[in-house]
């Protein structure tokens, strides 16, 4: 994750404080953002470590309580702020190299810096991950994008993505025992 400075601390500071608690609870940190100048909001995006497990509202509440306790002890953010915990959602940000491998075949909006062949923005299908590069296909043309050059990326909501998520949910529901068995 990027290290943006906010006064005396960085996003990396927050990640280092939050991540161990999340891992202990069976979750992975997806993204941390601090928004706003006068009314700050700390946005924490997490998902279950088990990709077949669905995130619930109760999970978000549990994570919020755990993170609040850690942040209260260390007090890394000066002044008041709101804590917002959520799942990445269906049109999720792609922040880790493994996110691209996981969502291979799906459409994404990707912004790069420095530009790649004179372009900064792509709306392309994720073809593959090779080493530290993400291969994307746009209009029949393949681009090799160094992961380190990706500044922002997000899945695009498509019928195929919705169908894939619904299929995964159905598979999870079939595998879950009913009635506490």
N, C-alpha and C. Protein backbone atom coordinates (compact mmCIF):
# COMPACT_ATOMS: atom_id res chain seq x y z
N UNK A 1 0.84 -1.18 0.00
CA UNK A 1 0.00 0.00 0.00
C UNK A 1 0.88 1.24 0.00
N UNK A 2 0.40 2.28 -0.61
CA UNK A 2 1.15 3.52 -0.74
C UNK A 2 1.34 4.18 0.62
N UNK A 3 2.41 4.93 0.75
CA UNK A 3 2.70 5.64 1.99
C UNK A 3 2.44 7.13 1.81
N UNK A 4 1.21 7.55 1.97
CA UNK A 4 0.90 8.97 1.92
C UNK A 4 1.05 9.54 3.32
N UNK A 5 1.61 10.76 3.42
CA UNK A 5 1.82 11.39 4.71
C UNK A 5 0.63 12.24 5.10
N UNK A 6 0.24 12.13 6.36
CA UNK A 6 -0.84 12.94 6.93
C UNK A 6 -0.31 13.46 8.26
N UNK A 7 0.37 14.58 8.21
CA UNK A 7 0.96 15.10 9.45
C UNK A 7 2.12 14.21 9.87
N UNK A 8 2.04 13.66 11.08
CA UNK A 8 3.15 12.87 11.62
C UNK A 8 3.01 11.37 11.36
N UNK A 9 2.01 10.95 10.61
CA UNK A 9 1.83 9.52 10.36
C UNK A 9 1.55 9.27 8.89
N UNK A 10 1.63 8.01 8.50
CA UNK A 10 1.36 7.62 7.13
C UNK A 10 0.26 6.57 7.11
N UNK A 11 -0.25 6.31 5.93
CA UNK A 11 -1.22 5.21 5.77
C UNK A 11 -0.54 3.90 6.19
N UNK A 12 0.76 3.76 5.89
CA UNK A 12 1.50 2.56 6.28
C UNK A 12 1.44 2.35 7.79
N UNK A 13 1.51 3.46 8.57
CA UNK A 13 1.39 3.39 10.03
C UNK A 13 0.05 2.76 10.41
N UNK A 14 -1.01 3.22 9.76
CA UNK A 14 -2.34 2.69 10.06
C UNK A 14 -2.45 1.22 9.67
N UNK A 15 -1.91 0.87 8.51
CA UNK A 15 -1.94 -0.52 8.05
C UNK A 15 -1.22 -1.40 9.07
N UNK A 16 -0.05 -0.97 9.51
CA UNK A 16 0.73 -1.75 10.47
C UNK A 16 -0.01 -1.94 11.79
N UNK A 17 -0.82 -0.97 12.18
CA UNK A 17 -1.60 -1.08 13.42
C UNK A 17 -2.83 -1.98 13.25
N UNK A 18 -3.49 -1.87 12.11
CA UNK A 18 -4.77 -2.54 11.88
C UNK A 18 -4.63 -3.99 11.43
N UNK A 19 -3.67 -4.25 10.56
CA UNK A 19 -3.56 -5.55 9.90
C UNK A 19 -3.47 -6.75 10.85
N UNK A 20 -2.65 -6.70 11.91
CA UNK A 20 -2.56 -7.89 12.79
C UNK A 20 -3.90 -8.27 13.42
N UNK A 21 -4.68 -7.30 13.81
CA UNK A 21 -6.00 -7.59 14.40
C UNK A 21 -6.91 -8.26 13.37
N UNK A 22 -6.89 -7.73 12.14
CA UNK A 22 -7.73 -8.31 11.09
C UNK A 22 -7.33 -9.75 10.80
N UNK A 23 -6.03 -9.99 10.66
CA UNK A 23 -5.56 -11.35 10.39
C UNK A 23 -5.99 -12.30 11.51
N UNK A 24 -5.88 -11.84 12.75
CA UNK A 24 -6.30 -12.65 13.89
C UNK A 24 -7.78 -12.98 13.88
N UNK A 25 -8.56 -12.13 13.24
CA UNK A 25 -10.01 -12.34 13.16
C UNK A 25 -10.41 -13.12 11.90
N UNK A 26 -9.44 -13.44 11.05
CA UNK A 26 -9.75 -14.18 9.82
C UNK A 26 -10.09 -13.29 8.64
N UNK A 27 -9.56 -12.07 8.63
CA UNK A 27 -9.83 -11.13 7.54
C UNK A 27 -8.53 -10.63 6.95
N UNK A 28 -8.61 -10.12 5.72
CA UNK A 28 -7.49 -9.47 5.06
C UNK A 28 -7.85 -8.02 4.82
N UNK A 29 -6.85 -7.18 5.01
CA UNK A 29 -7.02 -5.75 4.74
C UNK A 29 -6.92 -5.53 3.24
N UNK A 30 -7.91 -4.86 2.68
CA UNK A 30 -7.90 -4.56 1.25
C UNK A 30 -7.38 -3.15 1.02
N UNK A 31 -7.89 -2.19 1.78
CA UNK A 31 -7.52 -0.80 1.53
C UNK A 31 -7.79 0.05 2.76
N UNK A 32 -6.92 1.04 2.98
CA UNK A 32 -7.10 2.03 4.03
C UNK A 32 -6.97 3.40 3.38
N UNK A 33 -7.94 4.27 3.64
CA UNK A 33 -7.89 5.64 3.11
C UNK A 33 -8.33 6.59 4.20
N UNK A 34 -7.68 7.75 4.25
CA UNK A 34 -8.10 8.81 5.15
C UNK A 34 -8.58 9.96 4.27
N UNK A 35 -9.84 10.31 4.42
CA UNK A 35 -10.46 11.33 3.57
C UNK A 35 -10.86 12.54 4.40
N UNK A 36 -10.92 13.68 3.73
CA UNK A 36 -11.43 14.89 4.38
C UNK A 36 -10.34 15.69 5.08
N UNK A 37 -10.59 16.96 5.20
CA UNK A 37 -9.65 17.86 5.89
C UNK A 37 -10.19 18.24 7.26
N UNK A 38 -11.40 18.79 7.29
CA UNK A 38 -11.96 19.21 8.57
C UNK A 38 -12.72 18.08 9.25
N UNK A 39 -13.51 17.34 8.48
CA UNK A 39 -14.20 16.15 9.01
C UNK A 39 -13.55 14.93 8.41
N UNK A 40 -12.60 14.35 9.13
CA UNK A 40 -11.85 13.22 8.60
C UNK A 40 -12.67 11.93 8.71
N UNK A 41 -12.50 11.07 7.70
CA UNK A 41 -13.10 9.74 7.71
C UNK A 41 -12.01 8.74 7.39
N UNK A 42 -11.83 7.78 8.27
CA UNK A 42 -10.89 6.69 8.04
C UNK A 42 -11.70 5.54 7.44
N UNK A 43 -11.44 5.23 6.18
CA UNK A 43 -12.13 4.14 5.50
C UNK A 43 -11.24 2.90 5.52
N UNK A 44 -11.79 1.82 6.04
CA UNK A 44 -11.08 0.55 6.09
C UNK A 44 -11.91 -0.47 5.33
N UNK A 45 -11.29 -1.08 4.33
CA UNK A 45 -11.96 -2.08 3.52
C UNK A 45 -11.30 -3.42 3.82
N UNK A 46 -12.10 -4.42 4.16
CA UNK A 46 -11.57 -5.74 4.50
C UNK A 46 -12.45 -6.82 3.89
N UNK A 47 -11.89 -8.03 3.82
CA UNK A 47 -12.65 -9.17 3.32
C UNK A 47 -12.18 -10.42 4.06
N UNK A 48 -13.03 -11.45 4.10
CA UNK A 48 -12.61 -12.69 4.75
C UNK A 48 -11.38 -13.28 4.07
N UNK A 49 -10.49 -13.86 4.88
CA UNK A 49 -9.30 -14.52 4.33
C UNK A 49 -9.69 -15.69 3.45
N UNK A 50 -10.79 -16.35 3.80
CA UNK A 50 -11.32 -17.45 2.99
C UNK A 50 -12.19 -16.84 1.89
N UNK A 51 -11.74 -16.93 0.63
CA UNK A 51 -12.49 -16.28 -0.45
C UNK A 51 -13.90 -16.86 -0.66
N UNK A 52 -14.18 -18.02 -0.09
CA UNK A 52 -15.52 -18.60 -0.23
C UNK A 52 -16.47 -18.10 0.83
N UNK A 53 -15.95 -17.41 1.83
CA UNK A 53 -16.78 -16.87 2.90
C UNK A 53 -17.25 -15.47 2.52
N UNK A 54 -18.50 -15.20 2.78
CA UNK A 54 -19.07 -13.88 2.47
C UNK A 54 -18.94 -12.95 3.68
N UNK A 55 -18.73 -11.69 3.41
CA UNK A 55 -18.65 -10.66 4.45
C UNK A 55 -20.05 -10.30 4.89
N UNK A 56 -20.25 -10.16 6.19
CA UNK A 56 -21.56 -9.79 6.72
C UNK A 56 -21.50 -8.43 7.41
N UNK A 57 -22.65 -7.89 7.70
CA UNK A 57 -22.74 -6.64 8.44
C UNK A 57 -22.14 -6.84 9.84
N UNK A 58 -22.38 -8.01 10.42
CA UNK A 58 -21.82 -8.32 11.74
C UNK A 58 -20.29 -8.32 11.69
N UNK A 59 -19.72 -8.84 10.59
CA UNK A 59 -18.27 -8.82 10.42
C UNK A 59 -17.76 -7.39 10.45
N UNK A 60 -18.43 -6.51 9.72
CA UNK A 60 -18.01 -5.09 9.68
C UNK A 60 -18.07 -4.47 11.07
N UNK A 61 -19.11 -4.79 11.82
CA UNK A 61 -19.25 -4.26 13.19
C UNK A 61 -18.15 -4.80 14.09
N UNK A 62 -17.84 -6.10 13.99
CA UNK A 62 -16.76 -6.70 14.79
C UNK A 62 -15.42 -6.07 14.46
N UNK A 63 -15.15 -5.89 13.17
CA UNK A 63 -13.90 -5.27 12.73
C UNK A 63 -13.82 -3.84 13.24
N UNK A 64 -14.92 -3.11 13.15
CA UNK A 64 -14.95 -1.73 13.62
C UNK A 64 -14.60 -1.64 15.10
N UNK A 65 -15.16 -2.53 15.91
CA UNK A 65 -14.87 -2.53 17.34
C UNK A 65 -13.39 -2.85 17.60
N UNK A 66 -12.87 -3.84 16.90
CA UNK A 66 -11.48 -4.24 17.10
C UNK A 66 -10.52 -3.12 16.68
N UNK A 67 -10.78 -2.52 15.53
CA UNK A 67 -9.92 -1.44 15.04
C UNK A 67 -10.00 -0.23 15.96
N UNK A 68 -11.20 0.10 16.41
CA UNK A 68 -11.37 1.24 17.31
C UNK A 68 -10.53 1.08 18.57
N UNK A 69 -10.52 -0.14 19.12
CA UNK A 69 -9.73 -0.39 20.33
C UNK A 69 -8.24 -0.17 20.08
N UNK A 70 -7.74 -0.68 18.96
CA UNK A 70 -6.33 -0.51 18.61
C UNK A 70 -6.00 0.97 18.39
N UNK A 71 -6.84 1.66 17.64
CA UNK A 71 -6.58 3.06 17.35
C UNK A 71 -6.71 3.94 18.60
N UNK A 72 -7.61 3.57 19.52
CA UNK A 72 -7.74 4.32 20.77
C UNK A 72 -6.45 4.22 21.60
N UNK A 73 -5.83 3.05 21.61
CA UNK A 73 -4.60 2.85 22.37
C UNK A 73 -3.44 3.62 21.76
N UNK A 74 -3.27 3.53 20.45
CA UNK A 74 -2.12 4.14 19.78
C UNK A 74 -2.35 5.58 19.35
N UNK A 75 -3.58 5.97 19.15
CA UNK A 75 -3.97 7.34 18.80
C UNK A 75 -3.10 7.95 17.68
N UNK A 76 -3.06 7.28 16.50
CA UNK A 76 -2.18 7.75 15.43
C UNK A 76 -2.71 8.93 14.62
N UNK A 77 -4.01 9.19 14.70
CA UNK A 77 -4.62 10.24 13.89
C UNK A 77 -4.96 11.42 14.79
N UNK A 78 -4.32 12.57 14.55
CA UNK A 78 -4.64 13.73 15.38
C UNK A 78 -6.06 14.24 15.11
N UNK A 79 -6.74 14.58 16.19
CA UNK A 79 -8.09 15.14 16.05
C UNK A 79 -9.15 14.06 15.90
N UNK A 80 -10.36 14.53 15.71
CA UNK A 80 -11.51 13.64 15.59
C UNK A 80 -11.62 13.09 14.17
N UNK A 81 -12.17 11.90 14.06
CA UNK A 81 -12.42 11.28 12.76
C UNK A 81 -13.51 10.24 12.90
N UNK A 82 -14.13 9.91 11.80
CA UNK A 82 -15.12 8.84 11.75
C UNK A 82 -14.46 7.60 11.18
N UNK A 83 -14.80 6.44 11.71
CA UNK A 83 -14.29 5.18 11.20
C UNK A 83 -15.38 4.53 10.38
N UNK A 84 -15.05 4.14 9.17
CA UNK A 84 -15.99 3.52 8.25
C UNK A 84 -15.39 2.18 7.80
N UNK A 85 -16.06 1.06 8.12
CA UNK A 85 -15.57 -0.26 7.74
C UNK A 85 -16.54 -0.87 6.74
N UNK A 86 -15.97 -1.44 5.65
CA UNK A 86 -16.83 -2.04 4.63
C UNK A 86 -16.10 -3.19 3.94
N UNK A 87 -16.87 -3.94 3.18
CA UNK A 87 -16.28 -4.95 2.30
C UNK A 87 -15.93 -4.24 0.99
N UNK A 88 -15.10 -4.85 0.15
CA UNK A 88 -14.74 -4.18 -1.10
C UNK A 88 -15.90 -4.06 -2.08
N UNK A 89 -16.92 -4.90 -1.96
CA UNK A 89 -18.05 -4.84 -2.89
C UNK A 89 -17.74 -5.52 -4.20
N UNK A 90 -18.73 -5.59 -5.04
CA UNK A 90 -18.60 -6.32 -6.30
C UNK A 90 -17.70 -5.61 -7.31
N UNK A 91 -17.76 -4.28 -7.36
CA UNK A 91 -16.90 -3.52 -8.27
C UNK A 91 -15.71 -2.98 -7.48
N UNK A 92 -15.06 -3.89 -6.84
CA UNK A 92 -14.01 -3.65 -5.86
C UNK A 92 -12.75 -3.01 -6.45
N UNK A 93 -11.98 -2.35 -5.58
CA UNK A 93 -10.66 -1.90 -6.02
C UNK A 93 -9.72 -3.10 -6.12
N UNK A 94 -8.78 -3.02 -7.01
CA UNK A 94 -7.76 -4.05 -7.17
C UNK A 94 -6.47 -3.44 -6.62
N UNK A 95 -6.01 -3.93 -5.48
CA UNK A 95 -4.88 -3.28 -4.82
C UNK A 95 -3.67 -4.21 -4.64
N UNK A 96 -3.90 -5.51 -4.70
CA UNK A 96 -2.80 -6.47 -4.54
C UNK A 96 -2.63 -7.21 -5.85
N UNK A 97 -1.43 -7.67 -6.12
CA UNK A 97 -1.17 -8.41 -7.35
C UNK A 97 -2.08 -9.63 -7.43
N UNK A 98 -2.31 -10.27 -6.31
CA UNK A 98 -3.17 -11.47 -6.32
C UNK A 98 -4.63 -11.14 -6.66
N UNK A 99 -5.05 -9.88 -6.48
CA UNK A 99 -6.40 -9.48 -6.89
C UNK A 99 -6.56 -9.64 -8.40
N UNK A 100 -5.52 -9.30 -9.14
CA UNK A 100 -5.59 -9.40 -10.61
C UNK A 100 -5.66 -10.87 -11.03
N UNK A 101 -4.91 -11.73 -10.36
CA UNK A 101 -4.96 -13.16 -10.67
C UNK A 101 -6.34 -13.72 -10.33
N UNK A 102 -6.89 -13.30 -9.22
CA UNK A 102 -8.21 -13.79 -8.78
C UNK A 102 -9.32 -13.38 -9.75
N UNK A 103 -9.20 -12.19 -10.33
CA UNK A 103 -10.27 -11.68 -11.19
C UNK A 103 -9.88 -11.70 -12.67
N UNK A 104 -9.02 -12.65 -13.00
CA UNK A 104 -8.63 -12.86 -14.40
C UNK A 104 -9.88 -13.10 -15.23
N UNK A 105 -9.95 -12.46 -16.40
CA UNK A 105 -11.09 -12.60 -17.30
C UNK A 105 -12.16 -11.54 -17.10
N UNK A 106 -12.00 -10.70 -16.09
CA UNK A 106 -12.99 -9.65 -15.83
C UNK A 106 -12.47 -8.29 -16.29
N UNK A 107 -13.42 -7.40 -16.55
CA UNK A 107 -13.13 -6.06 -17.02
C UNK A 107 -12.75 -5.15 -15.85
N UNK A 108 -11.71 -4.32 -16.06
CA UNK A 108 -11.26 -3.40 -15.02
C UNK A 108 -10.90 -2.06 -15.63
N UNK A 109 -11.03 -1.01 -14.82
CA UNK A 109 -10.51 0.32 -15.17
C UNK A 109 -9.19 0.45 -14.42
N UNK A 110 -8.15 0.79 -15.17
CA UNK A 110 -6.81 0.84 -14.59
C UNK A 110 -6.15 2.17 -14.97
N UNK A 111 -5.57 2.84 -13.96
CA UNK A 111 -4.81 4.07 -14.19
C UNK A 111 -3.36 3.79 -13.86
N UNK A 112 -2.47 4.22 -14.74
CA UNK A 112 -1.04 3.95 -14.54
C UNK A 112 -0.24 5.25 -14.52
N UNK A 113 0.93 5.18 -13.88
CA UNK A 113 1.88 6.29 -13.88
C UNK A 113 3.27 5.71 -13.68
N UNK A 114 4.19 5.94 -14.57
CA UNK A 114 4.11 6.78 -15.75
C UNK A 114 3.21 6.15 -16.81
N UNK A 115 2.92 6.92 -17.83
CA UNK A 115 2.02 6.42 -18.86
C UNK A 115 2.65 5.23 -19.58
N UNK A 116 1.79 4.46 -20.20
CA UNK A 116 2.19 3.27 -20.94
C UNK A 116 1.79 3.47 -22.40
N UNK A 117 2.76 3.56 -23.26
CA UNK A 117 2.53 3.80 -24.69
C UNK A 117 1.65 5.04 -24.91
N UNK A 118 1.95 6.09 -24.12
CA UNK A 118 1.24 7.35 -24.26
C UNK A 118 -0.12 7.41 -23.59
N UNK A 119 -0.46 6.38 -22.81
CA UNK A 119 -1.78 6.34 -22.15
C UNK A 119 -1.63 6.18 -20.64
N UNK A 120 -2.59 6.79 -19.94
CA UNK A 120 -2.64 6.67 -18.49
C UNK A 120 -3.83 5.83 -18.02
N UNK A 121 -4.85 5.70 -18.85
CA UNK A 121 -6.09 5.00 -18.45
C UNK A 121 -6.43 3.89 -19.43
N UNK A 122 -6.87 2.78 -18.86
CA UNK A 122 -7.30 1.63 -19.66
C UNK A 122 -8.60 1.09 -19.10
N UNK A 123 -9.44 0.59 -19.98
CA UNK A 123 -10.63 -0.17 -19.59
C UNK A 123 -10.46 -1.49 -20.34
N UNK A 124 -9.96 -2.49 -19.63
CA UNK A 124 -9.50 -3.70 -20.30
C UNK A 124 -9.81 -4.95 -19.48
N UNK A 125 -9.75 -6.07 -20.14
CA UNK A 125 -9.95 -7.37 -19.49
C UNK A 125 -8.61 -7.82 -18.91
N UNK A 126 -8.65 -8.29 -17.68
CA UNK A 126 -7.45 -8.83 -17.04
C UNK A 126 -7.19 -10.20 -17.66
N UNK A 127 -6.06 -10.33 -18.35
CA UNK A 127 -5.75 -11.59 -19.02
C UNK A 127 -4.96 -12.54 -18.14
N UNK A 128 -3.95 -11.99 -17.44
CA UNK A 128 -3.09 -12.86 -16.65
C UNK A 128 -2.17 -12.02 -15.78
N UNK A 129 -1.48 -12.71 -14.88
CA UNK A 129 -0.42 -12.10 -14.09
C UNK A 129 0.83 -12.90 -14.37
N UNK A 130 1.90 -12.21 -14.77
CA UNK A 130 3.18 -12.85 -15.03
C UNK A 130 4.24 -12.12 -14.22
N UNK A 131 4.75 -12.78 -13.21
CA UNK A 131 5.73 -12.14 -12.33
C UNK A 131 5.12 -10.93 -11.66
N UNK A 132 5.72 -9.78 -11.89
CA UNK A 132 5.23 -8.52 -11.30
C UNK A 132 4.44 -7.70 -12.32
N UNK A 133 4.02 -8.32 -13.41
CA UNK A 133 3.27 -7.62 -14.46
C UNK A 133 1.85 -8.14 -14.56
N UNK A 134 0.94 -7.25 -14.91
CA UNK A 134 -0.45 -7.60 -15.18
C UNK A 134 -0.65 -7.47 -16.68
N UNK A 135 -1.13 -8.54 -17.30
CA UNK A 135 -1.43 -8.50 -18.73
C UNK A 135 -2.91 -8.18 -18.89
N UNK A 136 -3.19 -7.14 -19.68
CA UNK A 136 -4.57 -6.73 -19.93
C UNK A 136 -4.80 -6.69 -21.43
N UNK A 137 -6.06 -6.87 -21.82
CA UNK A 137 -6.42 -6.83 -23.24
C UNK A 137 -7.51 -5.78 -23.42
N UNK A 138 -7.23 -4.82 -24.32
CA UNK A 138 -8.20 -3.80 -24.65
C UNK A 138 -8.28 -3.71 -26.18
N UNK A 139 -9.50 -3.85 -26.69
CA UNK A 139 -9.72 -3.79 -28.14
C UNK A 139 -8.80 -4.74 -28.91
N UNK A 140 -8.63 -5.95 -28.38
CA UNK A 140 -7.83 -6.97 -29.05
C UNK A 140 -6.33 -6.80 -28.91
N UNK A 141 -5.90 -5.79 -28.21
CA UNK A 141 -4.47 -5.52 -28.04
C UNK A 141 -4.05 -5.81 -26.60
N UNK A 142 -2.96 -6.55 -26.44
CA UNK A 142 -2.46 -6.90 -25.11
C UNK A 142 -1.42 -5.89 -24.64
N UNK A 143 -1.56 -5.47 -23.38
CA UNK A 143 -0.60 -4.55 -22.75
C UNK A 143 -0.01 -5.25 -21.53
N UNK A 144 1.29 -5.10 -21.34
CA UNK A 144 1.99 -5.60 -20.15
C UNK A 144 2.16 -4.41 -19.21
N UNK A 145 1.47 -4.45 -18.08
CA UNK A 145 1.48 -3.33 -17.15
C UNK A 145 2.26 -3.72 -15.90
N UNK A 146 3.38 -3.05 -15.63
CA UNK A 146 4.09 -3.34 -14.38
C UNK A 146 3.19 -3.01 -13.19
N UNK A 147 3.07 -3.95 -12.27
CA UNK A 147 2.20 -3.74 -11.12
C UNK A 147 2.57 -2.45 -10.37
N UNK A 148 3.86 -2.17 -10.25
CA UNK A 148 4.32 -0.98 -9.53
C UNK A 148 3.85 0.32 -10.17
N UNK A 149 3.47 0.29 -11.44
CA UNK A 149 3.03 1.52 -12.12
C UNK A 149 1.52 1.74 -12.00
N UNK A 150 0.79 0.77 -11.45
CA UNK A 150 -0.66 0.93 -11.31
C UNK A 150 -0.96 1.82 -10.12
N UNK A 151 -1.61 2.95 -10.40
CA UNK A 151 -1.96 3.91 -9.34
C UNK A 151 -3.36 3.66 -8.78
N UNK A 152 -4.25 3.19 -9.65
CA UNK A 152 -5.64 2.99 -9.23
C UNK A 152 -6.25 1.98 -10.18
N UNK A 153 -7.00 1.03 -9.62
CA UNK A 153 -7.67 0.04 -10.46
C UNK A 153 -8.92 -0.45 -9.74
N UNK A 154 -9.93 -0.75 -10.54
CA UNK A 154 -11.22 -1.17 -9.99
C UNK A 154 -11.91 -2.06 -11.00
N UNK A 155 -12.59 -3.11 -10.51
CA UNK A 155 -13.39 -3.93 -11.40
C UNK A 155 -14.56 -3.11 -11.93
N UNK A 156 -14.98 -3.42 -13.14
CA UNK A 156 -16.15 -2.78 -13.74
C UNK A 156 -17.33 -3.73 -13.56
N UNK A 157 -18.44 -3.19 -13.11
CA UNK A 157 -19.64 -3.99 -12.91
C UNK A 157 -20.19 -4.43 -14.27
N UNK A 158 -20.15 -5.74 -14.50
CA UNK A 158 -20.65 -6.31 -15.75
C UNK A 158 -21.56 -7.48 -15.42
N UNK A 159 -22.33 -7.93 -16.40
CA UNK A 159 -23.18 -9.10 -16.19
C UNK A 159 -22.34 -10.33 -15.85
N UNK A 160 -21.16 -10.45 -16.47
CA UNK A 160 -20.27 -11.58 -16.21
C UNK A 160 -19.76 -11.57 -14.78
N UNK A 161 -19.41 -10.41 -14.27
CA UNK A 161 -18.93 -10.30 -12.89
C UNK A 161 -20.05 -10.64 -11.92
N UNK A 162 -21.24 -10.13 -12.17
CA UNK A 162 -22.39 -10.43 -11.31
C UNK A 162 -22.65 -11.93 -11.31
N UNK A 163 -22.64 -12.56 -12.49
CA UNK A 163 -22.87 -14.01 -12.59
C UNK A 163 -21.80 -14.79 -11.83
N UNK A 164 -20.55 -14.36 -11.93
CA UNK A 164 -19.46 -15.06 -11.23
C UNK A 164 -19.63 -14.95 -9.71
N UNK A 165 -20.02 -13.77 -9.23
CA UNK A 165 -20.22 -13.58 -7.80
C UNK A 165 -21.41 -14.40 -7.32
N UNK A 166 -22.49 -14.41 -8.09
CA UNK A 166 -23.66 -15.20 -7.72
C UNK A 166 -23.33 -16.69 -7.69
N UNK A 167 -22.54 -17.16 -8.64
CA UNK A 167 -22.14 -18.57 -8.67
C UNK A 167 -21.30 -18.92 -7.44
N UNK A 168 -20.40 -18.03 -7.08
CA UNK A 168 -19.56 -18.26 -5.89
C UNK A 168 -20.42 -18.27 -4.62
N UNK A 169 -21.40 -17.37 -4.55
CA UNK A 169 -22.30 -17.34 -3.39
C UNK A 169 -23.12 -18.62 -3.31
N UNK A 170 -23.63 -19.08 -4.44
CA UNK A 170 -24.42 -20.31 -4.46
C UNK A 170 -23.57 -21.49 -4.02
N UNK A 171 -22.32 -21.54 -4.48
CA UNK A 171 -21.41 -22.61 -4.10
C UNK A 171 -21.14 -22.58 -2.60
N UNK A 172 -20.96 -21.37 -2.05
CA UNK A 172 -20.72 -21.21 -0.62
C UNK A 172 -21.94 -21.66 0.18
N UNK A 173 -23.13 -21.28 -0.27
CA UNK A 173 -24.35 -21.66 0.43
C UNK A 173 -24.57 -23.17 0.40
N UNK A 174 -24.25 -23.82 -0.71
CA UNK A 174 -24.39 -25.27 -0.80
C UNK A 174 -23.42 -25.98 0.12
N UNK A 175 -22.23 -25.42 0.31
CA UNK A 175 -21.21 -26.04 1.13
C UNK A 175 -21.44 -25.81 2.63
N UNK A 176 -22.27 -24.79 2.98
CA UNK A 176 -22.49 -24.46 4.38
C UNK A 176 -23.53 -25.39 4.98
N UNK A 177 -23.24 -25.90 6.18
CA UNK A 177 -24.23 -26.75 6.86
C UNK A 177 -25.43 -25.91 7.30
N UNK A 178 -26.61 -26.49 7.24
CA UNK A 178 -27.84 -25.81 7.62
C UNK A 178 -28.31 -26.37 8.96
N UNK A 179 -28.81 -25.46 9.81
CA UNK A 179 -29.39 -25.91 11.07
C UNK A 179 -28.37 -26.29 12.11
N UNK A 180 -27.13 -25.81 11.98
CA UNK A 180 -26.13 -26.05 13.02
C UNK A 180 -25.64 -27.47 13.07
N UNK A 181 -25.73 -28.19 11.97
CA UNK A 181 -25.29 -29.59 11.95
C UNK A 181 -23.79 -29.67 11.96
